PDB file of N, CA and C in Angstrom:
ATOM      1  N   GLU A   1     127.686  94.552 117.470  1.00  0.00           N
ATOM      2  CA  GLU A   1     127.762  93.495 116.492  1.00  0.00           C
ATOM      3  C   GLU A   1     127.204  92.187 117.050  1.00  0.00           C
ATOM      4  N   ALA A   2     127.493  91.892 118.294  1.00  0.00           N
ATOM      5  CA  ALA A   2     127.044  90.628 118.873  1.00  0.00           C
ATOM      6  C   ALA A   2     125.521  90.567 118.952  1.00  0.00           C
ATOM      7  N   ARG A   3     124.894  91.676 119.278  1.00  0.00           N
ATOM      8  CA  ARG A   3     123.425  91.681 119.362  1.00  0.00           C
ATOM      9  C   ARG A   3     122.797  91.496 117.987  1.00  0.00           C
ATOM     10  N   LYS A   4     123.380  92.095 116.975  1.00  0.00           N
ATOM     11  CA  LYS A   4     122.859  91.941 115.615  1.00  0.00           C
ATOM     12  C   LYS A   4     122.955  90.477 115.182  1.00  0.00           C
ATOM     13  N   GLN A   5     124.107  89.872 115.453  1.00  0.00           N
ATOM     14  CA  GLN A   5     124.284  88.472 115.086  1.00  0.00           C
ATOM     15  C   GLN A   5     123.364  87.575 115.898  1.00  0.00           C
ATOM     16  N   ALA A   6     123.169  87.911 117.157  1.00  0.00           N
ATOM     17  CA  ALA A   6     122.254  87.130 117.998  1.00  0.00           C
ATOM     18  C   ALA A   6     120.838  87.175 117.444  1.00  0.00           C
ATOM     19  N   ALA A   7     120.427  88.321 116.924  1.00  0.00           N
ATOM     20  CA  ALA A   7     119.092  88.434 116.326  1.00  0.00           C
ATOM     21  C   ALA A   7     118.972  87.527 115.104  1.00  0.00           C
ATOM     22  N   VAL A   8     119.996  87.521 114.272  1.00  0.00           N
ATOM     23  CA  VAL A   8     119.991  86.649 113.097  1.00  0.00           C
ATOM     24  C   VAL A   8     119.981  85.190 113.534  1.00  0.00           C
ATOM     25  N   ASP A   9     120.831  84.858 114.480  1.00  0.00           N
ATOM     26  CA  ASP A   9     120.908  83.472 114.961  1.00  0.00           C
ATOM     27  C   ASP A   9     119.596  83.001 115.580  1.00  0.00           C
ATOM     28  N   ALA A  10     118.844  83.930 116.151  1.00  0.00           N
ATOM     29  CA  ALA A  10     117.568  83.592 116.782  1.00  0.00           C
ATOM     30  C   ALA A  10     116.431  83.463 115.761  1.00  0.00           C
ATOM     31  N   GLY A  11     116.701  83.778 114.501  1.00  0.00           N
ATOM     32  CA  GLY A  11     115.686  83.628 113.470  1.00  0.00           C
ATOM     33  C   GLY A  11     114.934  84.896 113.114  1.00  0.00           C
ATOM     34  N   ALA A  12     115.527  86.057 113.393  1.00  0.00           N
ATOM     35  CA  ALA A  12     114.842  87.320 113.136  1.00  0.00           C
ATOM     36  C   ALA A  12     114.561  87.563 111.658  1.00  0.00           C
ATOM     37  N   LEU A  13     115.461  87.181 110.777  1.00  0.00           N
ATOM     38  CA  LEU A  13     115.270  87.510 109.357  1.00  0.00           C
ATOM     39  C   LEU A  13     113.996  86.894 108.779  1.00  0.00           C
ATOM     40  N   PRO A  14     113.748  85.599 108.925  1.00  0.00           N
ATOM     41  CA  PRO A  14     112.496  85.078 108.357  1.00  0.00           C
ATOM     42  C   PRO A  14     111.251  85.647 109.022  1.00  0.00           C
ATOM     43  N   LEU A  15     111.339  85.974 110.296  1.00  0.00           N
ATOM     44  CA  LEU A  15     110.188  86.583 110.964  1.00  0.00           C
ATOM     45  C   LEU A  15     109.912  87.985 110.432  1.00  0.00           C
ATOM     46  N   LEU A  16     110.971  88.748 110.176  1.00  0.00           N
ATOM     47  CA  LEU A  16     110.799  90.086 109.611  1.00  0.00           C
ATOM     48  C   LEU A  16     110.237  90.008 108.192  1.00  0.00           C
ATOM     49  N   VAL A  17     110.712  89.041 107.409  1.00  0.00           N
ATOM     50  CA  VAL A  17     110.181  88.837 106.062  1.00  0.00           C
ATOM     51  C   VAL A  17     108.689  88.508 106.131  1.00  0.00           C
ATOM     52  N   THR A  18     108.318  87.656 107.060  1.00  0.00           N
ATOM     53  CA  THR A  18     106.909  87.299 107.232  1.00  0.00           C
ATOM     54  C   THR A  18     106.082  88.511 107.631  1.00  0.00           C
ATOM     55  N   ALA A  19     106.590  89.306 108.572  1.00  0.00           N
ATOM     56  CA  ALA A  19     105.851  90.487 109.031  1.00  0.00           C
ATOM     57  C   ALA A  19     105.645  91.491 107.903  1.00  0.00           C
ATOM     58  N   ILE A  20     106.682  91.759 107.132  1.00  0.00           N
ATOM     59  CA  ILE A  20     106.564  92.712 106.026  1.00  0.00           C
ATOM     60  C   ILE A  20     105.574  92.190 104.989  1.00  0.00           C
ATOM     61  N   GLY A  21     105.683  90.908 104.678  1.00  0.00           N
ATOM     62  CA  GLY A  21     104.799  90.328 103.674  1.00  0.00           C
ATOM     63  C   GLY A  21     103.352  90.225 104.119  1.00  0.00           C
ATOM     64  N   ALA A  22     103.122  90.011 105.406  1.00  0.00           N
ATOM     65  CA  ALA A  22     101.766  89.821 105.918  1.00  0.00           C
ATOM     66  C   ALA A  22     101.022  91.135 106.145  1.00  0.00           C
ATOM     67  N   HIS A  23     101.763  92.237 106.271  1.00  0.00           N
ATOM     68  CA  HIS A  23     101.136  93.527 106.604  1.00  0.00           C
ATOM     69  C   HIS A  23     101.607  94.646 105.679  1.00  0.00           C
ATOM     70  N   PRO A  24     101.442  94.472 104.369  1.00  0.00           N
ATOM     71  CA  PRO A  24     101.972  95.488 103.450  1.00  0.00           C
ATOM     72  C   PRO A  24     101.317  96.856 103.583  1.00  0.00           C
ATOM     73  N   ALA A  25     100.072  96.911 104.022  1.00  0.00           N
ATOM     74  CA  ALA A  25      99.373  98.193 104.119  1.00  0.00           C
ATOM     75  C   ALA A  25      99.611  98.913 105.438  1.00  0.00           C
ATOM     76  N   ASP A  26     100.229  98.244 106.391  1.00  0.00           N
ATOM     77  CA  ASP A  26     100.461  98.839 107.718  1.00  0.00           C
ATOM     78  C   ASP A  26     101.822  99.534 107.725  1.00  0.00           C
ATOM     79  N   ALA A  27     101.797 100.845 107.597  1.00  0.00           N
ATOM     80  CA  ALA A  27     103.047 101.614 107.523  1.00  0.00           C
ATOM     81  C   ALA A  27     103.892 101.445 108.777  1.00  0.00           C
ATOM     82  N   GLY A  28     103.264 101.293 109.934  1.00  0.00           N
ATOM     83  CA  GLY A  28     104.019 101.117 111.170  1.00  0.00           C
ATOM     84  C   GLY A  28     104.817  99.831 111.168  1.00  0.00           C
ATOM     85  N   VAL A  29     104.198  98.739 110.746  1.00  0.00           N
ATOM     86  CA  VAL A  29     104.905  97.456 110.653  1.00  0.00           C
ATOM     87  C   VAL A  29     106.028  97.563 109.638  1.00  0.00           C
ATOM     88  N   GLN A  30     105.731  98.173 108.484  1.00  0.00           N
ATOM     89  CA  GLN A  30     106.746  98.315 107.442  1.00  0.00           C
ATOM     90  C   GLN A  30     107.951  99.111 107.944  1.00  0.00           C
ATOM     91  N   GLU A  31     107.688 100.227 108.588  1.00  0.00           N
ATOM     92  CA  GLU A  31     108.787 101.084 109.065  1.00  0.00           C
ATOM     93  C   GLU A  31     109.636 100.363 110.098  1.00  0.00           C
ATOM     94  N   ARG A  32     108.998  99.735 111.059  1.00  0.00           N
ATOM     95  CA  ARG A  32     109.762  99.076 112.124  1.00  0.00           C
ATOM     96  C   ARG A  32     110.539  97.871 111.611  1.00  0.00           C
ATOM     97  N   ALA A  33     109.923  97.104 110.732  1.00  0.00           N
ATOM     98  CA  ALA A  33     110.625  95.952 110.165  1.00  0.00           C
ATOM     99  C   ALA A  33     111.800  96.405 109.301  1.00  0.00           C
ATOM    100  N   CYS A  34     111.598  97.454 108.521  1.00  0.00           N
ATOM    101  CA  CYS A  34     112.694  97.989 107.705  1.00  0.00           C
ATOM    102  C   CYS A  34     113.817  98.522 108.585  1.00  0.00           C
ATOM    103  N   ASN A  35     113.461  99.188 109.688  1.00  0.00           N
ATOM    104  CA  ASN A  35     114.488  99.653 110.624  1.00  0.00           C
ATOM    105  C   ASN A  35     115.284  98.483 111.181  1.00  0.00           C
ATOM    106  N   ALA A  36     114.582  97.427 111.565  1.00  0.00           N
ATOM    107  CA  ALA A  36     115.274  96.256 112.105  1.00  0.00           C
ATOM    108  C   ALA A  36     116.198  95.644 111.064  1.00  0.00           C
ATOM    109  N   LEU A  37     115.725  95.528 109.835  1.00  0.00           N
ATOM    110  CA  LEU A  37     116.562  94.974 108.770  1.00  0.00           C
ATOM    111  C   LEU A  37     117.779  95.853 108.510  1.00  0.00           C
ATOM    112  N   GLY A  38     117.578  97.160 108.522  1.00  0.00           N
ATOM    113  CA  GLY A  38     118.705  98.075 108.334  1.00  0.00           C
ATOM    114  C   GLY A  38     119.729  97.949 109.433  1.00  0.00           C
ATOM    115  N   ASN A  39     119.267  97.780 110.659  1.00  0.00           N
ATOM    116  CA  ASN A  39     120.192  97.603 111.782  1.00  0.00           C
ATOM    117  C   ASN A  39     120.945  96.288 111.692  1.00  0.00           C
ATOM    118  N   ILE A  40     120.253  95.225 111.345  1.00  0.00           N
ATOM    119  CA  ILE A  40     120.892  93.914 111.227  1.00  0.00           C
ATOM    120  C   ILE A  40     121.963  93.939 110.145  1.00  0.00           C
ATOM    121  N   ALA A  41     121.670  94.591 109.018  1.00  0.00           N
ATOM    122  CA  ALA A  41     122.605  94.603 107.898  1.00  0.00           C
ATOM    123  C   ALA A  41     123.768  95.559 108.098  1.00  0.00           C
ATOM    124  N   CYS A  42     123.635  96.497 109.016  1.00  0.00           N
ATOM    125  CA  CYS A  42     124.680  97.481 109.252  1.00  0.00           C
ATOM    126  C   CYS A  42     125.846  96.845 109.989  1.00  0.00           C
ATOM    127  N   GLY A  43     127.041  97.149 109.563  1.00  0.00           N
ATOM    128  CA  GLY A  43     128.207  96.641 110.276  1.00  0.00           C
ATOM    129  C   GLY A  43     129.445  96.676 109.421  1.00  0.00           C
ATOM    130  N   GLU A  44     130.545  96.770 110.084  1.00  0.00           N
ATOM    131  CA  GLU A  44     131.836  96.805 109.417  1.00  0.00           C
ATOM    132  C   GLU A  44     132.376  95.386 109.250  1.00  0.00           C
ATOM    133  N   GLY A  45     133.070  95.162 108.165  1.00  0.00           N
ATOM    134  CA  GLY A  45     133.795  93.925 107.993  1.00  0.00           C
ATOM    135  C   GLY A  45     132.935  92.727 107.628  1.00  0.00           C
ATOM    136  N   ALA A  46     133.525  91.579 107.834  1.00  0.00           N
ATOM    137  CA  ALA A  46     132.931  90.335 107.370  1.00  0.00           C
ATOM    138  C   ALA A  46     131.593  90.028 108.031  1.00  0.00           C
ATOM    139  N   GLN A  47     131.433  90.328 109.305  1.00  0.00           N
ATOM    140  CA  GLN A  47     130.173  90.008 109.980  1.00  0.00           C
ATOM    141  C   GLN A  47     129.003  90.765 109.356  1.00  0.00           C
ATOM    142  N   GLY A  48     129.190  92.044 109.102  1.00  0.00           N
ATOM    143  CA  GLY A  48     128.140  92.831 108.473  1.00  0.00           C
ATOM    144  C   GLY A  48     127.823  92.336 107.073  1.00  0.00           C
ATOM    145  N   GLU A  49     128.846  91.952 106.336  1.00  0.00           N
ATOM    146  CA  GLU A  49     128.648  91.441 104.979  1.00  0.00           C
ATOM    147  C   GLU A  49     127.892  90.123 104.992  1.00  0.00           C
ATOM    148  N   VAL A  50     128.214  89.257 105.954  1.00  0.00           N
ATOM    149  CA  VAL A  50     127.499  87.980 106.074  1.00  0.00           C
ATOM    150  C   VAL A  50     126.038  88.223 106.413  1.00  0.00           C
ATOM    151  N   ARG A  51     125.776  89.144 107.328  1.00  0.00           N
ATOM    152  CA  ARG A  51     124.385  89.444 107.687  1.00  0.00           C
ATOM    153  C   ARG A  51     123.642  90.071 106.508  1.00  0.00           C
ATOM    154  N   SER A  52     124.306  90.941 105.756  1.00  0.00           N
ATOM    155  CA  SER A  52     123.673  91.537 104.579  1.00  0.00           C
ATOM    156  C   SER A  52     123.308  90.466 103.564  1.00  0.00           C
ATOM    157  N   GLN A  53     124.206  89.534 103.344  1.00  0.00           N
ATOM    158  CA  GLN A  53     123.921  88.466 102.397  1.00  0.00           C
ATOM    159  C   GLN A  53     122.803  87.564 102.918  1.00  0.00           C
ATOM    160  N   ALA A  54     122.778  87.324 104.212  1.00  0.00           N
ATOM    161  CA  ALA A  54     121.697  86.528 104.798  1.00  0.00           C
ATOM    162  C   ALA A  54     120.348  87.207 104.587  1.00  0.00           C
ATOM    163  N   ALA A  55     120.325  88.528 104.673  1.00  0.00           N
ATOM    164  CA  ALA A  55     119.084  89.275 104.434  1.00  0.00           C
ATOM    165  C   ALA A  55     118.639  89.103 102.982  1.00  0.00           C
ATOM    166  N   VAL A  56     119.582  89.209 102.055  1.00  0.00           N
ATOM    167  CA  VAL A  56     119.256  89.003 100.637  1.00  0.00           C
ATOM    168  C   VAL A  56     118.745  87.589 100.428  1.00  0.00           C
ATOM    169  N   ASP A  57     119.435  86.631 101.004  1.00  0.00           N
ATOM    170  CA  ASP A  57     119.033  85.235 100.852  1.00  0.00           C
ATOM    171  C   ASP A  57     117.645  84.973 101.440  1.00  0.00           C
ATOM    172  N   ALA A  58     117.266  85.761 102.454  1.00  0.00           N
ATOM    173  CA  ALA A  58     115.942  85.618 103.077  1.00  0.00           C
ATOM    174  C   ALA A  58     114.847  86.270 102.231  1.00  0.00           C
ATOM    175  N   GLY A  59     115.234  87.017 101.188  1.00  0.00           N
ATOM    176  CA  GLY A  59     114.255  87.609 100.285  1.00  0.00           C
ATOM    177  C   GLY A  59     113.801  89.013 100.631  1.00  0.00           C
ATOM    178  N   VAL A  60     114.628  89.769 101.336  1.00  0.00           N
ATOM    179  CA  VAL A  60     114.168  91.091 101.783  1.00  0.00           C
ATOM    180  C   VAL A  60     114.175  92.163 100.695  1.00  0.00           C
ATOM    181  N   LEU A  61     115.010  92.047  99.687  1.00  0.00           N
ATOM    182  CA  LEU A  61     115.126  93.145  98.720  1.00  0.00           C
ATOM    183  C   LEU A  61     113.796  93.507  98.054  1.00  0.00           C
ATOM    184  N   PRO A  62     113.067  92.561  97.477  1.00  0.00           N
ATOM    185  CA  PRO A  62     111.799  92.968  96.860  1.00  0.00           C
ATOM    186  C   PRO A  62     110.782  93.496  97.873  1.00  0.00           C
ATOM    187  N   LEU A  63     110.869  93.035  99.105  1.00  0.00           N
ATOM    188  CA  LEU A  63     109.953  93.524 100.138  1.00  0.00           C
ATOM    189  C   LEU A  63     110.259  94.960 100.524  1.00  0.00           C
ATOM    190  N   LEU A  64     111.535  95.311 100.579  1.00  0.00           N
ATOM    191  CA  LEU A  64     111.916  96.695 100.878  1.00  0.00           C
ATOM    192  C   LEU A  64     111.454  97.630  99.767  1.00  0.00           C
ATOM    193  N   VAL A  65     111.655  97.204  98.530  1.00  0.00           N
ATOM    194  CA  VAL A  65     111.217  98.011  97.390  1.00  0.00           C
ATOM    195  C   VAL A  65     109.691  98.139  97.398  1.00  0.00           C
ATOM    196  N   ALA A  66     109.003  97.049  97.704  1.00  0.00           N
ATOM    197  CA  ALA A  66     107.535  97.093  97.765  1.00  0.00           C
ATOM    198  C   ALA A  66     107.052  98.034  98.862  1.00  0.00           C
ATOM    199  N   ALA A  67     107.718  98.022 100.001  1.00  0.00           N
ATOM    200  CA  ALA A  67     107.334  98.923 101.094  1.00  0.00           C
ATOM    201  C   ALA A  67     107.451 100.373 100.653  1.00  0.00           C
ATOM    202  N   MET A  68     108.518 100.688  99.942  1.00  0.00           N
ATOM    203  CA  MET A  68     108.691 102.057  99.452  1.00  0.00           C
ATOM    204  C   MET A  68     107.612 102.414  98.438  1.00  0.00           C
ATOM    205  N   GLY A  69     107.249 101.457  97.579  1.00  0.00           N
ATOM    206  CA  GLY A  69     106.232 101.703  96.572  1.00  0.00           C
ATOM    207  C   GLY A  69     104.829 101.809  97.149  1.00  0.00           C
ATOM    208  N   THR A  70     104.570 101.056  98.211  1.00  0.00           N
ATOM    209  CA  THR A  70     103.249 101.060  98.831  1.00  0.00           C
ATOM    210  C   THR A  70     103.021 102.306  99.678  1.00  0.00           C
ATOM    211  N   HIS A  71     104.099 102.861 100.228  1.00  0.00           N
ATOM    212  CA  HIS A  71     103.989 104.005 101.147  1.00  0.00           C
ATOM    213  C   HIS A  71     104.855 105.181 100.669  1.00  0.00           C
ATOM    214  N   PRO A  72     104.596 105.670  99.449  1.00  0.00           N
ATOM    215  CA  PRO A  72     105.469 106.728  98.906  1.00  0.00           C
ATOM    216  C   PRO A  72     105.412 108.040  99.676  1.00  0.00           C
ATOM    217  N   ALA A  73     104.330 108.296 100.375  1.00  0.00           N
ATOM    218  CA  ALA A  73     104.200 109.560 101.110  1.00  0.00           C
ATOM    219  C   ALA A  73     104.589 109.441 102.570  1.00  0.00           C
ATOM    220  N   ASN A  74     105.004 108.255 102.993  1.00  0.00           N
ATOM    221  CA  ASN A  74     105.361 108.053 104.397  1.00  0.00           C
ATOM    222  C   ASN A  74     106.878 108.171 104.539  1.00  0.00           C
ATOM    223  N   ALA A  75     107.316 109.277 105.100  1.00  0.00           N
ATOM    224  CA  ALA A  75     108.757 109.536 105.222  1.00  0.00           C
ATOM    225  C   ALA A  75     109.456 108.490 106.075  1.00  0.00           C
ATOM    226  N   GLY A  76     108.795 107.997 107.108  1.00  0.00           N
ATOM    227  CA  GLY A  76     109.413 106.996 107.970  1.00  0.00           C
ATOM    228  C   GLY A  76     109.706 105.708 107.233  1.00  0.00           C
ATOM    229  N   VAL A  77     108.749 105.246 106.435  1.00  0.00           N
ATOM    230  CA  VAL A  77     108.954 104.030 105.645  1.00  0.00           C
ATOM    231  C   VAL A  77     110.036 104.269 104.598  1.00  0.00           C
ATOM    232  N   GLN A  78     109.986 105.395 103.930  1.00  0.00           N
ATOM    233  CA  GLN A  78     110.985 105.709 102.906  1.00  0.00           C
ATOM    234  C   GLN A  78     112.395 105.720 103.490  1.00  0.00           C
ATOM    235  N   GLU A  79     112.534 106.369 104.638  1.00  0.00           N
ATOM    236  CA  GLU A  79     113.857 106.458 105.274  1.00  0.00           C
ATOM    237  C   GLU A  79     114.340 105.090 105.737  1.00  0.00           C
ATOM    238  N   ALA A  80     113.473 104.343 106.397  1.00  0.00           N
ATOM    239  CA  ALA A  80     113.879 103.046 106.943  1.00  0.00           C
ATOM    240  C   ALA A  80     114.212 102.051 105.836  1.00  0.00           C
ATOM    241  N   ALA A  81     113.380 101.988 104.804  1.00  0.00           N
ATOM    242  CA  ALA A  81     113.635 101.062 103.707  1.00  0.00           C
ATOM    243  C   ALA A  81     114.869 101.484 102.919  1.00  0.00           C
ATOM    244  N   GLY A  82     115.025 102.783 102.710  1.00  0.00           N
ATOM    245  CA  GLY A  82     116.213 103.271 102.001  1.00  0.00           C
ATOM    246  C   GLY A  82     117.497 102.967 102.748  1.00  0.00           C
ATOM    247  N   ARG A  83     117.458 103.144 104.070  1.00  0.00           N
ATOM    248  CA  ARG A  83     118.644 102.837 104.875  1.00  0.00           C
ATOM    249  C   ARG A  83     118.947 101.343 104.849  1.00  0.00           C
ATOM    250  N   ALA A  84     117.900 100.529 104.912  1.00  0.00           N
ATOM    251  CA  ALA A  84     118.108  99.080 104.853  1.00  0.00           C
ATOM    252  C   ALA A  84     118.724  98.686 103.514  1.00  0.00           C
ATOM    253  N   LEU A  85     118.207  99.244 102.420  1.00  0.00           N
ATOM    254  CA  LEU A  85     118.774  98.954 101.105  1.00  0.00           C
ATOM    255  C   LEU A  85     120.231  99.397 101.025  1.00  0.00           C
ATOM    256  N   TYR A  86     120.509 100.570 101.548  1.00  0.00           N
ATOM    257  CA  TYR A  86     121.884 101.086 101.553  1.00  0.00           C
ATOM    258  C   TYR A  86     122.810 100.136 102.319  1.00  0.00           C
ATOM    259  N   ASN A  87     122.386  99.739 103.523  1.00  0.00           N
ATOM    260  CA  ASN A  87     123.232  98.880 104.346  1.00  0.00           C
ATOM    261  C   ASN A  87     123.438  97.518 103.707  1.00  0.00           C
ATOM    262  N   ILE A  88     122.397  96.983 103.092  1.00  0.00           N
ATOM    263  CA  ILE A  88     122.513  95.679 102.452  1.00  0.00           C
ATOM    264  C   ILE A  88     123.432  95.746 101.238  1.00  0.00           C
ATOM    265  N   ALA A  89     123.379  96.842 100.492  1.00  0.00           N
ATOM    266  CA  ALA A  89     124.180  96.966  99.274  1.00  0.00           C
ATOM    267  C   ALA A  89     125.648  97.255  99.548  1.00  0.00           C
ATOM    268  N   CYS A  90     125.981  97.682 100.759  1.00  0.00           N
ATOM    269  CA  CYS A  90     127.377  97.970 101.089  1.00  0.00           C
ATOM    270  C   CYS A  90     128.169  96.670 101.233  1.00  0.00           C
ATOM    271  N   GLY A  91     129.437  96.780 101.016  1.00  0.00           N
ATOM    272  CA  GLY A  91     130.302  95.639 101.278  1.00  0.00           C
ATOM    273  C   GLY A  91     131.292  95.410 100.164  1.00  0.00           C
ATOM    274  N   GLY A  92     132.473  95.031 100.562  1.00  0.00           N
ATOM    275  CA  GLY A  92     133.529  94.746  99.604  1.00  0.00           C
ATOM    276  C   GLY A  92     133.768  93.267  99.406  1.00  0.00           C
ATOM    277  N   ASP A  93     132.881  92.439  99.962  1.00  0.00           N
ATOM    278  CA  ASP A  93     133.037  90.998  99.806  1.00  0.00           C
ATOM    279  C   ASP A  93     132.689  90.584  98.381  1.00  0.00           C
ATOM    280  N   THR A  94     132.924  89.342  98.049  1.00  0.00           N
ATOM    281  CA  THR A  94     132.697  88.884  96.683  1.00  0.00           C
ATOM    282  C   THR A  94     131.227  88.947  96.295  1.00  0.00           C
ATOM    283  N   GLN A  95     130.322  88.868  97.245  1.00  0.00           N
ATOM    284  CA  GLN A  95     128.905  88.929  96.941  1.00  0.00           C
ATOM    285  C   GLN A  95     128.360  90.359  97.007  1.00  0.00           C
ATOM    286  N   GLY A  96     129.199  91.294  97.446  1.00  0.00           N
ATOM    287  CA  GLY A  96     128.766  92.685  97.590  1.00  0.00           C
ATOM    288  C   GLY A  96     128.295  93.306  96.280  1.00  0.00           C
ATOM    289  N   GLU A  97     129.013  93.056  95.206  1.00  0.00           N
ATOM    290  CA  GLU A  97     128.630  93.612  93.906  1.00  0.00           C
ATOM    291  C   GLU A  97     127.284  93.048  93.465  1.00  0.00           C
ATOM    292  N   ALA A  98     127.053  91.773  93.690  1.00  0.00           N
ATOM    293  CA  ALA A  98     125.760  91.179  93.339  1.00  0.00           C
ATOM    294  C   ALA A  98     124.638  91.792  94.153  1.00  0.00           C
ATOM    295  N   ARG A  99     124.903  92.074  95.447  1.00  0.00           N
ATOM    296  CA  ARG A  99     123.880  92.720  96.286  1.00  0.00           C
ATOM    297  C   ARG A  99     123.563  94.105  95.748  1.00  0.00           C
ATOM    298  N   LYS A 100     124.592  94.839  95.322  1.00  0.00           N
ATOM    299  CA  LYS A 100     124.372  96.182  94.768  1.00  0.00           C
ATOM    300  C   LYS A 100     123.518  96.103  93.517  1.00  0.00           C
ATOM    301  N   GLN A 101     123.809  95.150  92.651  1.00  0.00           N
ATOM    302  CA  GLN A 101     123.023  95.004  91.426  1.00  0.00           C
ATOM    303  C   GLN A 101     121.595  94.583  91.726  1.00  0.00           C
ATOM    304  N   ALA A 102     121.417  93.716  92.708  1.00  0.00           N
ATOM    305  CA  ALA A 102     120.084  93.238  93.044  1.00  0.00           C
ATOM    306  C   ALA A 102     119.243  94.346  93.670  1.00  0.00           C
ATOM    307  N   ALA A 103     119.896  95.217  94.433  1.00  0.00           N
ATOM    308  CA  ALA A 103     119.173  96.319  95.087  1.00  0.00           C
ATOM    309  C   ALA A 103     118.801  97.341  94.052  1.00  0.00           C
TER     310      ALA A 103
END
């Protein structure tokens, strides 16, 4: 948990958003960035929920969906983006339901 939060605190979310947006045709960039986002959003309790909401606030949801749409035949991108969406949509916090609807 501490490493995930350290990544967020260091500014990883906007950099990942930039990387995904700047390289939509590069399946390798998409897969790795989606994996990183999925890892950051994964977590139990309030810390994971805060990180998931931070990812939504950074604008990752449409980028994850776009990655899946751009690379429909790439299993790695599909798996990584799907896992990131799953992790972001999880949560019992007050914003969790909104994240589920947005995803």
